Amino acid sequence: MGWKHTAAIGLLALGAGFAGLVVGSIVTGKGAPRGITDLLGRSEATRWLAEAWIDAAQPAAPAGVRIAQKGDPAPTVALVDRDGQAASLTQWQDRLIVVNFWATWCTPCRKEMPELDRFQRKHATNGVQVIGVALDGIAEVEAFLHDTPVGYPILLAPNPAANPSLPFGNTYGALPFSVLLGRDGRILDTRLGEVSEATLEGWIAPHR
């Protein structure tokens, strides 16, 4: 058996195994494996595959919970500012808004925050606004921000266990999870997983 034949068999087996993994993630409802989709998402050539897999394998929403779709108005969720006062995403109307759901215990969340901060500083006068929504207690958030300050607003969920990112489409319940809102307040796109400044630039480019 020649090496080309052997290589072809190997590629077919690899493809079959990958297809089985994709189908299994959809059938079981467990969602796409985070480690594999993160790896695929690092390359422009395979990022589309990662995003398609995440969408196809996305777990169903809990019974009775309405999940907003792309093009829908942003769901109204209970939020407070760092002083404990009621807050709303509508405070930043007429801007492109990147809503980043995060938590202090989330390693990729902590890693991406400097990227989000640089992105916000670059676009502060360009009608683009980053908003962090922490799924943590105020004490944990304040302690973290003391050591890792950011220049964009940080809001909090009064009840983090309620998962305020869920109505935006995060049925995985994983973090970080980001949402891009248009100037009309409608959902343009969502993204599960860590983002970079370059990713954010590409995300907003079609909507500038």
N, C-alpha and C. Protein backbone atom coordinates (compact mmCIF):
# COMPACT_ATOMS: atom_id res chain seq x y z
N MET A 1 0.86 -1.20 0.00
CA MET A 1 0.00 0.00 0.00
C MET A 1 0.89 1.25 0.00
N GLY A 2 0.65 2.15 -0.96
CA GLY A 2 1.48 3.35 -1.05
C GLY A 2 1.15 4.37 0.02
N TRP A 3 2.10 5.31 0.18
CA TRP A 3 1.89 6.32 1.23
C TRP A 3 0.71 7.22 0.92
N LYS A 4 0.42 7.46 -0.36
CA LYS A 4 -0.73 8.30 -0.71
C LYS A 4 -2.03 7.63 -0.31
N HIS A 5 -2.09 6.30 -0.54
CA HIS A 5 -3.28 5.56 -0.17
C HIS A 5 -3.47 5.57 1.34
N THR A 6 -2.38 5.37 2.05
CA THR A 6 -2.43 5.37 3.51
C THR A 6 -2.85 6.74 4.04
N ALA A 7 -2.29 7.79 3.44
CA ALA A 7 -2.64 9.15 3.87
C ALA A 7 -4.11 9.43 3.60
N ALA A 8 -4.61 8.96 2.46
CA ALA A 8 -6.02 9.19 2.12
C ALA A 8 -6.93 8.51 3.13
N ILE A 9 -6.58 7.28 3.50
CA ILE A 9 -7.38 6.55 4.49
C ILE A 9 -7.36 7.30 5.83
N GLY A 10 -6.16 7.79 6.18
CA GLY A 10 -6.04 8.53 7.44
C GLY A 10 -6.90 9.78 7.45
N LEU A 11 -6.90 10.50 6.33
CA LEU A 11 -7.71 11.72 6.25
C LEU A 11 -9.19 11.41 6.30
N LEU A 12 -9.59 10.32 5.65
CA LEU A 12 -11.00 9.92 5.69
C LEU A 12 -11.41 9.55 7.11
N ALA A 13 -10.55 8.83 7.80
CA ALA A 13 -10.85 8.44 9.18
C ALA A 13 -10.94 9.66 10.08
N LEU A 14 -10.01 10.60 9.87
CA LEU A 14 -10.03 11.83 10.66
C LEU A 14 -11.30 12.61 10.39
N GLY A 15 -11.67 12.71 9.09
CA GLY A 15 -12.90 13.42 8.74
C GLY A 15 -14.13 12.77 9.33
N ALA A 16 -14.16 11.43 9.29
CA ALA A 16 -15.30 10.70 9.86
C ALA A 16 -15.38 10.91 11.36
N GLY A 17 -14.21 10.89 12.01
CA GLY A 17 -14.20 11.10 13.45
C GLY A 17 -14.67 12.49 13.82
N PHE A 18 -14.23 13.48 13.04
CA PHE A 18 -14.65 14.86 13.30
C PHE A 18 -16.15 15.01 13.08
N ALA A 19 -16.64 14.41 11.98
CA ALA A 19 -18.08 14.48 11.70
C ALA A 19 -18.88 13.83 12.82
N GLY A 20 -18.36 12.71 13.33
CA GLY A 20 -19.05 12.05 14.44
C GLY A 20 -19.08 12.91 15.69
N LEU A 21 -17.98 13.64 15.93
CA LEU A 21 -17.91 14.54 17.09
C LEU A 21 -18.93 15.66 16.95
N VAL A 22 -19.03 16.22 15.74
CA VAL A 22 -20.00 17.30 15.50
C VAL A 22 -21.42 16.79 15.70
N VAL A 23 -21.75 15.65 15.08
CA VAL A 23 -23.10 15.10 15.20
C VAL A 23 -23.42 14.76 16.65
N GLY A 24 -22.45 14.20 17.35
CA GLY A 24 -22.66 13.84 18.75
C GLY A 24 -22.95 15.06 19.62
N SER A 25 -22.25 16.15 19.35
CA SER A 25 -22.46 17.36 20.15
C SER A 25 -23.84 17.94 19.93
N ILE A 26 -24.37 17.73 18.73
CA ILE A 26 -25.71 18.25 18.41
C ILE A 26 -26.79 17.35 19.01
N VAL A 27 -26.62 16.03 18.82
CA VAL A 27 -27.63 15.08 19.28
C VAL A 27 -27.74 15.07 20.81
N THR A 28 -26.61 15.12 21.50
CA THR A 28 -26.63 15.05 22.96
C THR A 28 -27.06 16.36 23.60
N GLY A 29 -26.97 17.46 22.84
CA GLY A 29 -27.33 18.76 23.38
C GLY A 29 -26.28 19.34 24.30
N LYS A 30 -25.09 18.75 24.33
CA LYS A 30 -24.03 19.24 25.20
C LYS A 30 -23.28 20.42 24.61
N GLY A 31 -23.51 20.68 23.33
CA GLY A 31 -22.85 21.80 22.70
C GLY A 31 -21.49 21.43 22.15
N ALA A 32 -20.92 22.35 21.36
CA ALA A 32 -19.61 22.13 20.75
C ALA A 32 -18.52 22.19 21.82
N PRO A 33 -17.50 21.31 21.73
CA PRO A 33 -16.41 21.33 22.71
C PRO A 33 -15.65 22.65 22.66
N ARG A 34 -15.60 23.34 23.78
CA ARG A 34 -15.01 24.67 23.83
C ARG A 34 -13.55 24.69 23.39
N GLY A 35 -12.77 23.69 23.83
CA GLY A 35 -11.36 23.68 23.48
C GLY A 35 -11.13 23.58 21.98
N ILE A 36 -11.94 22.76 21.31
CA ILE A 36 -11.75 22.57 19.87
C ILE A 36 -12.21 23.81 19.11
N THR A 37 -13.35 24.38 19.48
CA THR A 37 -13.84 25.56 18.76
C THR A 37 -12.93 26.76 19.00
N ASP A 38 -12.35 26.86 20.20
CA ASP A 38 -11.40 27.95 20.45
C ASP A 38 -10.18 27.79 19.54
N LEU A 39 -9.72 26.55 19.37
CA LEU A 39 -8.57 26.29 18.50
C LEU A 39 -8.91 26.63 17.05
N LEU A 40 -10.08 26.22 16.59
CA LEU A 40 -10.50 26.52 15.23
C LEU A 40 -10.68 28.02 15.03
N GLY A 41 -11.14 28.70 16.07
CA GLY A 41 -11.43 30.13 15.97
C GLY A 41 -10.20 31.01 15.89
N ARG A 42 -9.03 30.45 16.10
CA ARG A 42 -7.80 31.26 16.05
C ARG A 42 -7.36 31.58 14.63
N SER A 43 -7.89 30.86 13.66
CA SER A 43 -7.51 31.06 12.27
C SER A 43 -8.69 31.59 11.48
N GLU A 44 -8.40 32.57 10.62
CA GLU A 44 -9.46 33.11 9.76
C GLU A 44 -10.03 32.02 8.86
N ALA A 45 -9.18 31.07 8.47
CA ALA A 45 -9.60 30.02 7.54
C ALA A 45 -10.60 29.05 8.16
N THR A 46 -10.52 28.87 9.49
CA THR A 46 -11.39 27.89 10.14
C THR A 46 -12.38 28.50 11.13
N ARG A 47 -12.32 29.83 11.29
CA ARG A 47 -13.22 30.46 12.26
C ARG A 47 -14.68 30.25 11.88
N TRP A 48 -14.96 30.27 10.57
CA TRP A 48 -16.35 30.06 10.13
C TRP A 48 -16.86 28.69 10.57
N LEU A 49 -15.95 27.69 10.56
CA LEU A 49 -16.33 26.35 10.97
C LEU A 49 -16.66 26.31 12.46
N ALA A 50 -15.84 26.99 13.26
CA ALA A 50 -16.08 27.05 14.70
C ALA A 50 -17.43 27.71 14.99
N GLU A 51 -17.69 28.82 14.33
CA GLU A 51 -18.94 29.55 14.58
C GLU A 51 -20.16 28.75 14.12
N ALA A 52 -20.02 28.07 12.96
CA ALA A 52 -21.13 27.25 12.47
C ALA A 52 -21.40 26.08 13.41
N TRP A 53 -20.34 25.49 13.93
CA TRP A 53 -20.48 24.37 14.85
C TRP A 53 -21.16 24.83 16.14
N ILE A 54 -20.72 25.96 16.67
CA ILE A 54 -21.32 26.50 17.90
C ILE A 54 -22.81 26.75 17.70
N ASP A 55 -23.16 27.35 16.57
CA ASP A 55 -24.57 27.64 16.29
C ASP A 55 -25.39 26.37 16.16
N ALA A 56 -24.84 25.38 15.42
CA ALA A 56 -25.59 24.15 15.17
C ALA A 56 -25.78 23.31 16.42
N ALA A 57 -24.78 23.34 17.30
CA ALA A 57 -24.82 22.49 18.50
C ALA A 57 -25.32 23.23 19.73
N GLN A 58 -25.81 24.43 19.55
CA GLN A 58 -26.22 25.24 20.70
C GLN A 58 -27.35 24.56 21.47
N PRO A 59 -27.17 24.42 22.78
CA PRO A 59 -28.22 23.78 23.59
C PRO A 59 -29.53 24.57 23.52
N ALA A 60 -30.63 23.86 23.69
CA ALA A 60 -31.94 24.50 23.69
C ALA A 60 -32.12 25.35 24.94
N ALA A 61 -32.93 26.37 24.82
CA ALA A 61 -33.22 27.23 25.97
C ALA A 61 -34.11 26.51 26.96
N PRO A 62 -34.03 26.86 28.24
CA PRO A 62 -34.95 26.27 29.22
C PRO A 62 -36.40 26.56 28.84
N ALA A 63 -37.28 25.69 29.24
CA ALA A 63 -38.70 25.86 28.92
C ALA A 63 -39.21 27.20 29.43
N GLY A 64 -39.94 27.89 28.56
CA GLY A 64 -40.56 29.16 28.95
C GLY A 64 -39.67 30.37 28.81
N VAL A 65 -38.40 30.18 28.42
CA VAL A 65 -37.48 31.31 28.27
C VAL A 65 -37.38 31.68 26.80
N ARG A 66 -37.66 32.94 26.49
CA ARG A 66 -37.57 33.40 25.10
C ARG A 66 -36.16 33.89 24.82
N ILE A 67 -35.58 33.38 23.76
CA ILE A 67 -34.24 33.76 23.36
C ILE A 67 -34.32 34.69 22.16
N ALA A 68 -33.74 35.87 22.29
CA ALA A 68 -33.75 36.83 21.18
C ALA A 68 -32.87 36.32 20.05
N GLN A 69 -33.27 36.62 18.83
CA GLN A 69 -32.53 36.24 17.64
C GLN A 69 -31.85 37.48 17.04
N LYS A 70 -30.94 37.26 16.11
CA LYS A 70 -30.32 38.38 15.42
C LYS A 70 -31.40 39.19 14.73
N GLY A 71 -31.34 40.49 14.90
CA GLY A 71 -32.35 41.38 14.35
C GLY A 71 -33.43 41.77 15.34
N ASP A 72 -33.51 41.04 16.44
CA ASP A 72 -34.49 41.37 17.47
C ASP A 72 -33.98 42.51 18.35
N PRO A 73 -34.88 43.26 18.97
CA PRO A 73 -34.44 44.25 19.96
C PRO A 73 -33.74 43.56 21.12
N ALA A 74 -32.79 44.23 21.71
CA ALA A 74 -32.09 43.67 22.86
C ALA A 74 -33.08 43.40 23.99
N PRO A 75 -33.03 42.22 24.60
CA PRO A 75 -33.94 41.93 25.72
C PRO A 75 -33.69 42.90 26.88
N THR A 76 -34.72 43.16 27.62
CA THR A 76 -34.59 43.99 28.82
C THR A 76 -34.24 43.09 29.99
N VAL A 77 -33.08 43.32 30.58
CA VAL A 77 -32.65 42.52 31.72
C VAL A 77 -32.32 43.46 32.88
N ALA A 78 -32.47 42.95 34.09
CA ALA A 78 -32.21 43.76 35.28
C ALA A 78 -30.71 43.95 35.46
N LEU A 79 -30.27 45.21 35.55
CA LEU A 79 -28.87 45.53 35.74
C LEU A 79 -28.74 46.68 36.73
N VAL A 80 -27.61 46.75 37.39
CA VAL A 80 -27.31 47.88 38.27
C VAL A 80 -25.89 48.35 37.99
N ASP A 81 -25.62 49.62 38.34
CA ASP A 81 -24.26 50.12 38.20
C ASP A 81 -23.46 49.78 39.46
N ARG A 82 -22.24 50.25 39.53
CA ARG A 82 -21.37 49.89 40.65
C ARG A 82 -21.78 50.57 41.95
N ASP A 83 -22.69 51.53 41.86
CA ASP A 83 -23.25 52.15 43.06
C ASP A 83 -24.56 51.50 43.48
N GLY A 84 -24.96 50.46 42.76
CA GLY A 84 -26.19 49.76 43.11
C GLY A 84 -27.45 50.37 42.54
N GLN A 85 -27.29 51.38 41.65
CA GLN A 85 -28.44 52.04 41.06
C GLN A 85 -28.87 51.31 39.78
N ALA A 86 -30.18 51.29 39.53
CA ALA A 86 -30.70 50.63 38.33
C ALA A 86 -30.06 51.21 37.08
N ALA A 87 -29.72 50.34 36.14
CA ALA A 87 -29.07 50.77 34.90
C ALA A 87 -29.69 50.02 33.73
N SER A 88 -29.49 50.56 32.53
CA SER A 88 -30.05 49.95 31.33
C SER A 88 -29.12 50.16 30.15
N LEU A 89 -29.11 49.21 29.24
CA LEU A 89 -28.30 49.34 28.04
C LEU A 89 -28.79 50.48 27.15
N THR A 90 -30.02 50.92 27.35
CA THR A 90 -30.56 52.01 26.54
C THR A 90 -29.91 53.35 26.87
N GLN A 91 -29.09 53.39 27.92
CA GLN A 91 -28.37 54.62 28.26
C GLN A 91 -27.40 55.02 27.14
N TRP A 92 -27.04 54.06 26.29
CA TRP A 92 -26.06 54.32 25.24
C TRP A 92 -26.71 54.18 23.87
N GLN A 93 -27.84 54.77 23.70
CA GLN A 93 -28.54 54.72 22.42
C GLN A 93 -27.73 55.43 21.33
N ASP A 94 -28.01 55.05 20.09
CA ASP A 94 -27.36 55.64 18.92
C ASP A 94 -25.88 55.32 18.81
N ARG A 95 -25.44 54.27 19.49
CA ARG A 95 -24.06 53.81 19.35
C ARG A 95 -24.04 52.32 19.00
N LEU A 96 -22.95 51.89 18.39
CA LEU A 96 -22.70 50.46 18.31
C LEU A 96 -22.23 50.02 19.69
N ILE A 97 -22.86 49.01 20.24
CA ILE A 97 -22.54 48.60 21.61
C ILE A 97 -22.03 47.16 21.63
N VAL A 98 -20.88 46.97 22.26
CA VAL A 98 -20.37 45.63 22.54
C VAL A 98 -20.66 45.35 24.01
N VAL A 99 -21.59 44.44 24.26
CA VAL A 99 -21.92 44.04 25.63
C VAL A 99 -21.12 42.77 25.94
N ASN A 100 -20.28 42.86 26.95
CA ASN A 100 -19.41 41.74 27.30
C ASN A 100 -19.80 41.18 28.67
N PHE A 101 -20.36 39.98 28.68
CA PHE A 101 -20.72 39.31 29.93
C PHE A 101 -19.48 38.57 30.44
N TRP A 102 -19.13 38.81 31.71
CA TRP A 102 -17.89 38.26 32.25
C TRP A 102 -18.03 37.99 33.75
N ALA A 103 -16.99 37.42 34.33
CA ALA A 103 -16.94 37.21 35.78
C ALA A 103 -15.48 37.17 36.21
N THR A 104 -15.23 37.51 37.45
CA THR A 104 -13.86 37.57 37.95
C THR A 104 -13.22 36.18 38.01
N TRP A 105 -14.04 35.13 38.13
CA TRP A 105 -13.50 33.77 38.22
C TRP A 105 -13.23 33.16 36.84
N CYS A 106 -13.55 33.90 35.78
CA CYS A 106 -13.43 33.40 34.41
C CYS A 106 -12.07 33.82 33.83
N THR A 107 -11.17 32.86 33.64
CA THR A 107 -9.81 33.17 33.17
C THR A 107 -9.79 33.87 31.81
N PRO A 108 -10.51 33.35 30.78
CA PRO A 108 -10.48 34.07 29.50
C PRO A 108 -11.13 35.44 29.57
N CYS A 109 -12.07 35.63 30.50
CA CYS A 109 -12.66 36.96 30.69
C CYS A 109 -11.60 37.95 31.15
N ARG A 110 -10.84 37.55 32.14
CA ARG A 110 -9.79 38.42 32.67
C ARG A 110 -8.73 38.71 31.60
N LYS A 111 -8.44 37.70 30.78
CA LYS A 111 -7.42 37.85 29.75
C LYS A 111 -7.84 38.85 28.68
N GLU A 112 -9.14 38.86 28.33
CA GLU A 112 -9.58 39.69 27.22
C GLU A 112 -9.89 41.13 27.63
N MET A 113 -9.99 41.42 28.92
CA MET A 113 -10.40 42.76 29.33
C MET A 113 -9.44 43.86 28.89
N PRO A 114 -8.13 43.67 28.94
CA PRO A 114 -7.24 44.71 28.38
C PRO A 114 -7.47 44.95 26.89
N GLU A 115 -7.83 43.88 26.16
CA GLU A 115 -8.13 44.02 24.73
C GLU A 115 -9.39 44.87 24.54
N LEU A 116 -10.40 44.60 25.34
CA LEU A 116 -11.64 45.38 25.28
C LEU A 116 -11.36 46.84 25.64
N ASP A 117 -10.49 47.05 26.62
CA ASP A 117 -10.18 48.40 27.07
C ASP A 117 -9.45 49.18 25.98
N ARG A 118 -8.48 48.56 25.32
CA ARG A 118 -7.77 49.23 24.22
C ARG A 118 -8.73 49.55 23.08
N PHE A 119 -9.60 48.61 22.78
CA PHE A 119 -10.58 48.81 21.72
C PHE A 119 -11.49 50.00 22.06
N GLN A 120 -11.94 50.09 23.31
CA GLN A 120 -12.81 51.19 23.71
C GLN A 120 -12.10 52.53 23.62
N ARG A 121 -10.86 52.60 24.09
CA ARG A 121 -10.11 53.85 24.04
C ARG A 121 -9.90 54.31 22.60
N LYS A 122 -9.67 53.35 21.72
CA LYS A 122 -9.46 53.68 20.31
C LYS A 122 -10.73 54.24 19.67
N HIS A 123 -11.89 53.74 20.09
CA HIS A 123 -13.14 54.12 19.44
C HIS A 123 -14.04 54.99 20.31
N ALA A 124 -13.47 55.59 21.35
CA ALA A 124 -14.27 56.38 22.28
C ALA A 124 -15.03 57.51 21.61
N THR A 125 -14.48 58.05 20.54
CA THR A 125 -15.13 59.18 19.86
C THR A 125 -15.75 58.76 18.53
N ASN A 126 -15.83 57.45 18.29
CA ASN A 126 -16.33 56.95 17.01
C ASN A 126 -17.72 56.34 17.09
N GLY A 127 -18.43 56.61 18.17
CA GLY A 127 -19.79 56.07 18.27
C GLY A 127 -19.84 54.60 18.60
N VAL A 128 -18.78 54.08 19.26
CA VAL A 128 -18.73 52.68 19.67
C VAL A 128 -18.57 52.63 21.18
N GLN A 129 -19.33 51.76 21.83
CA GLN A 129 -19.29 51.69 23.29
C GLN A 129 -19.19 50.25 23.77
N VAL A 130 -18.19 49.98 24.60
CA VAL A 130 -18.07 48.68 25.27
C VAL A 130 -18.72 48.79 26.64
N ILE A 131 -19.50 47.79 27.01
CA ILE A 131 -20.12 47.73 28.33
C ILE A 131 -19.88 46.34 28.91
N GLY A 132 -19.28 46.27 30.07
CA GLY A 132 -19.09 45.00 30.74
C GLY A 132 -20.25 44.72 31.68
N VAL A 133 -20.72 43.49 31.68
CA VAL A 133 -21.78 43.07 32.61
C VAL A 133 -21.21 41.92 33.43
N ALA A 134 -20.96 42.17 34.70
CA ALA A 134 -20.33 41.19 35.57
C ALA A 134 -21.35 40.28 36.23
N LEU A 135 -21.06 38.99 36.22
CA LEU A 135 -21.91 38.02 36.89
C LEU A 135 -21.22 37.64 38.20
N ASP A 136 -21.08 38.64 39.05
CA ASP A 136 -20.34 38.52 40.29
C ASP A 136 -20.95 39.44 41.33
N GLY A 137 -20.52 39.31 42.56
CA GLY A 137 -20.90 40.26 43.59
C GLY A 137 -20.08 41.52 43.48
N ILE A 138 -20.58 42.62 44.02
CA ILE A 138 -19.91 43.91 43.90
C ILE A 138 -18.53 43.88 44.55
N ALA A 139 -18.38 43.17 45.67
CA ALA A 139 -17.09 43.13 46.36
C ALA A 139 -16.02 42.49 45.48
N GLU A 140 -16.38 41.38 44.83
CA GLU A 140 -15.42 40.71 43.96
C GLU A 140 -15.07 41.58 42.75
N VAL A 141 -16.07 42.26 42.21
CA VAL A 141 -15.85 43.12 41.04
C VAL A 141 -14.95 44.29 41.40
N GLU A 142 -15.23 44.94 42.52
CA GLU A 142 -14.43 46.10 42.91
C GLU A 142 -12.99 45.71 43.20
N ALA A 143 -12.79 44.56 43.84
CA ALA A 143 -11.43 44.10 44.13
C ALA A 143 -10.68 43.82 42.84
N PHE A 144 -11.35 43.21 41.88
CA PHE A 144 -10.71 42.91 40.60
C PHE A 144 -10.37 44.20 39.85
N LEU A 145 -11.32 45.13 39.77
CA LEU A 145 -11.11 46.37 39.02
C LEU A 145 -10.06 47.27 39.69
N HIS A 146 -9.86 47.09 40.97
CA HIS A 146 -8.80 47.85 41.65
C HIS A 146 -7.43 47.47 41.09
N ASP A 147 -7.26 46.18 40.78
CA ASP A 147 -5.99 45.70 40.24
C ASP A 147 -5.94 45.73 38.71
N THR A 148 -7.13 45.64 38.09
CA THR A 148 -7.20 45.61 36.63
C THR A 148 -8.26 46.62 36.17
N PRO A 149 -7.96 47.92 36.27
CA PRO A 149 -8.96 48.93 35.91
C PRO A 149 -9.22 48.97 34.41
N VAL A 150 -10.45 49.30 34.04
CA VAL A 150 -10.82 49.49 32.63
C VAL A 150 -11.56 50.81 32.51
N GLY A 151 -11.53 51.37 31.30
CA GLY A 151 -12.13 52.68 31.09
C GLY A 151 -13.57 52.63 30.61
N TYR A 152 -14.12 51.46 30.43
CA TYR A 152 -15.51 51.36 29.98
C TYR A 152 -16.43 51.01 31.15
N PRO A 153 -17.72 51.31 31.05
CA PRO A 153 -18.63 51.07 32.16
C PRO A 153 -18.78 49.59 32.51
N ILE A 154 -18.86 49.33 33.78
CA ILE A 154 -19.12 47.98 34.27
C ILE A 154 -20.46 47.98 35.02
N LEU A 155 -21.37 47.17 34.54
CA LEU A 155 -22.65 46.97 35.21
C LEU A 155 -22.65 45.58 35.85
N LEU A 156 -23.62 45.35 36.70
CA LEU A 156 -23.71 44.06 37.38
C LEU A 156 -25.13 43.52 37.29
N ALA A 157 -25.23 42.21 37.36
CA ALA A 157 -26.53 41.56 37.44
C ALA A 157 -26.90 41.43 38.91
N PRO A 158 -28.05 41.97 39.34
CA PRO A 158 -28.45 41.85 40.74
C PRO A 158 -28.52 40.40 41.20
N ASN A 159 -28.87 39.51 40.24
CA ASN A 159 -28.94 38.09 40.55
C ASN A 159 -28.14 37.32 39.49
N PRO A 160 -26.81 37.19 39.67
CA PRO A 160 -26.00 36.53 38.65
C PRO A 160 -26.46 35.13 38.30
N ALA A 161 -27.06 34.42 39.28
CA ALA A 161 -27.51 33.05 39.03
C ALA A 161 -28.61 33.00 37.98
N ALA A 162 -29.28 34.14 37.74
CA ALA A 162 -30.36 34.18 36.75
C ALA A 162 -29.83 34.20 35.33
N ASN A 163 -28.50 34.38 35.17
CA ASN A 163 -27.84 34.36 33.86
C ASN A 163 -28.46 35.39 32.92
N PRO A 164 -28.14 36.67 33.09
CA PRO A 164 -28.72 37.70 32.22
C PRO A 164 -28.27 37.60 30.77
N SER A 165 -27.24 36.79 30.49
CA SER A 165 -26.82 36.60 29.09
C SER A 165 -27.71 35.60 28.37
N LEU A 166 -28.50 34.83 29.11
CA LEU A 166 -29.35 33.80 28.50
C LEU A 166 -30.34 34.35 27.48
N PRO A 167 -31.10 35.41 27.79
CA PRO A 167 -32.05 35.93 26.80
C PRO A 167 -31.38 36.45 25.53
N PHE A 168 -30.06 36.73 25.62
CA PHE A 168 -29.32 37.20 24.44
C PHE A 168 -28.83 36.04 23.59
N GLY A 169 -29.03 34.81 24.04
CA GLY A 169 -28.66 33.65 23.25
C GLY A 169 -27.61 32.75 23.85
N ASN A 170 -27.15 33.05 25.06
CA ASN A 170 -26.11 32.24 25.68
C ASN A 170 -26.71 31.04 26.41
N THR A 171 -27.27 30.11 25.66
CA THR A 171 -27.83 28.91 26.28
C THR A 171 -26.74 27.96 26.77
N TYR A 172 -25.49 28.20 26.36
CA TYR A 172 -24.39 27.42 26.91
C TYR A 172 -24.16 27.75 28.38
N GLY A 173 -24.46 28.98 28.77
CA GLY A 173 -24.19 29.40 30.13
C GLY A 173 -22.72 29.59 30.41
N ALA A 174 -21.90 29.71 29.34
CA ALA A 174 -20.46 29.85 29.48
C ALA A 174 -20.06 31.31 29.31
N LEU A 175 -18.86 31.64 29.81
CA LEU A 175 -18.31 32.98 29.71
C LEU A 175 -16.89 32.90 29.16
N PRO A 176 -16.44 33.99 28.53
CA PRO A 176 -17.16 35.24 28.24
C PRO A 176 -18.13 35.06 27.08
N PHE A 177 -19.12 35.94 27.06
CA PHE A 177 -20.12 35.96 26.00
C PHE A 177 -20.35 37.41 25.64
N SER A 178 -20.24 37.72 24.36
CA SER A 178 -20.36 39.12 23.91
C SER A 178 -21.49 39.27 22.90
N VAL A 179 -22.09 40.43 22.92
CA VAL A 179 -23.22 40.75 22.04
C VAL A 179 -22.93 42.07 21.36
N LEU A 180 -23.16 42.14 20.06
CA LEU A 180 -23.02 43.39 19.32
C LEU A 180 -24.41 43.93 19.03
N LEU A 181 -24.68 45.14 19.53
CA LEU A 181 -25.97 45.79 19.32
C LEU A 181 -25.80 46.94 18.33
N GLY A 182 -26.76 47.06 17.42
CA GLY A 182 -26.74 48.16 16.47
C GLY A 182 -27.20 49.46 17.10
N ARG A 183 -27.10 50.53 16.35
CA ARG A 183 -27.50 51.84 16.85
C ARG A 183 -29.00 51.93 17.11
N ASP A 184 -29.76 50.99 16.56
CA ASP A 184 -31.19 50.94 16.81
C ASP A 184 -31.54 50.02 17.98
N GLY A 185 -30.52 49.50 18.66
CA GLY A 185 -30.75 48.65 19.82
C GLY A 185 -31.05 47.20 19.49
N ARG A 186 -30.89 46.82 18.23
CA ARG A 186 -31.17 45.44 17.83
C ARG A 186 -29.88 44.61 17.81
N ILE A 187 -30.04 43.31 18.00
CA ILE A 187 -28.91 42.41 18.05
C ILE A 187 -28.35 42.19 16.63
N LEU A 188 -27.08 42.51 16.46
CA LEU A 188 -26.41 42.29 15.19
C LEU A 188 -25.70 40.93 15.16
N ASP A 189 -25.10 40.56 16.30
CA ASP A 189 -24.36 39.31 16.34
C ASP A 189 -24.06 38.97 17.79
N THR A 190 -23.71 37.70 18.03
CA THR A 190 -23.27 37.25 19.35
C THR A 190 -22.02 36.41 19.18
N ARG A 191 -21.23 36.32 20.24
CA ARG A 191 -19.98 35.57 20.15
C ARG A 191 -19.68 34.95 21.52
N LEU A 192 -19.51 33.64 21.53
CA LEU A 192 -19.12 32.93 22.74
C LEU A 192 -17.62 32.73 22.74
N GLY A 193 -16.98 33.07 23.84
CA GLY A 193 -15.54 32.85 23.95
C GLY A 193 -14.75 34.15 23.93
N GLU A 194 -13.47 34.01 24.19
CA GLU A 194 -12.56 35.15 24.29
C GLU A 194 -12.46 35.92 22.98
N VAL A 195 -12.38 37.24 23.10
CA VAL A 195 -12.20 38.09 21.92
C VAL A 195 -10.88 38.85 22.04
N SER A 196 -10.38 39.30 20.91
CA SER A 196 -9.18 40.13 20.87
C SER A 196 -9.56 41.47 20.27
N GLU A 197 -8.64 42.41 20.34
CA GLU A 197 -8.89 43.72 19.73
C GLU A 197 -9.12 43.57 18.22
N ALA A 198 -8.33 42.69 17.59
CA ALA A 198 -8.49 42.45 16.15
C ALA A 198 -9.85 41.84 15.84
N THR A 199 -10.30 40.92 16.68
CA THR A 199 -11.62 40.32 16.49
C THR A 199 -12.70 41.38 16.56
N LEU A 200 -12.59 42.25 17.53
CA LEU A 200 -13.59 43.31 17.71
C LEU A 200 -13.59 44.27 16.52
N GLU A 201 -12.42 44.58 16.01
CA GLU A 201 -12.34 45.47 14.84
C GLU A 201 -13.09 44.86 13.65
N GLY A 202 -12.86 43.57 13.43
CA GLY A 202 -13.54 42.90 12.34
C GLY A 202 -15.04 42.79 12.58
N TRP A 203 -15.43 42.68 13.85
CA TRP A 203 -16.83 42.53 14.21
C TRP A 203 -17.63 43.78 13.87
N ILE A 204 -17.05 44.95 14.15
CA ILE A 204 -17.81 46.18 13.95
C ILE A 204 -17.66 46.74 12.53
N ALA A 205 -16.64 46.25 11.79
CA ALA A 205 -16.33 46.84 10.49
C ALA A 205 -17.54 46.93 9.54
N PRO A 206 -18.39 45.89 9.42
CA PRO A 206 -19.51 45.99 8.48
C PRO A 206 -20.61 46.97 8.91
N HIS A 207 -20.52 47.46 10.17
CA HIS A 207 -21.62 48.25 10.72
C HIS A 207 -21.21 49.69 11.03
N ARG A 208 -20.01 50.07 10.61
CA ARG A 208 -19.52 51.43 10.90
C ARG A 208 -20.26 52.46 10.09
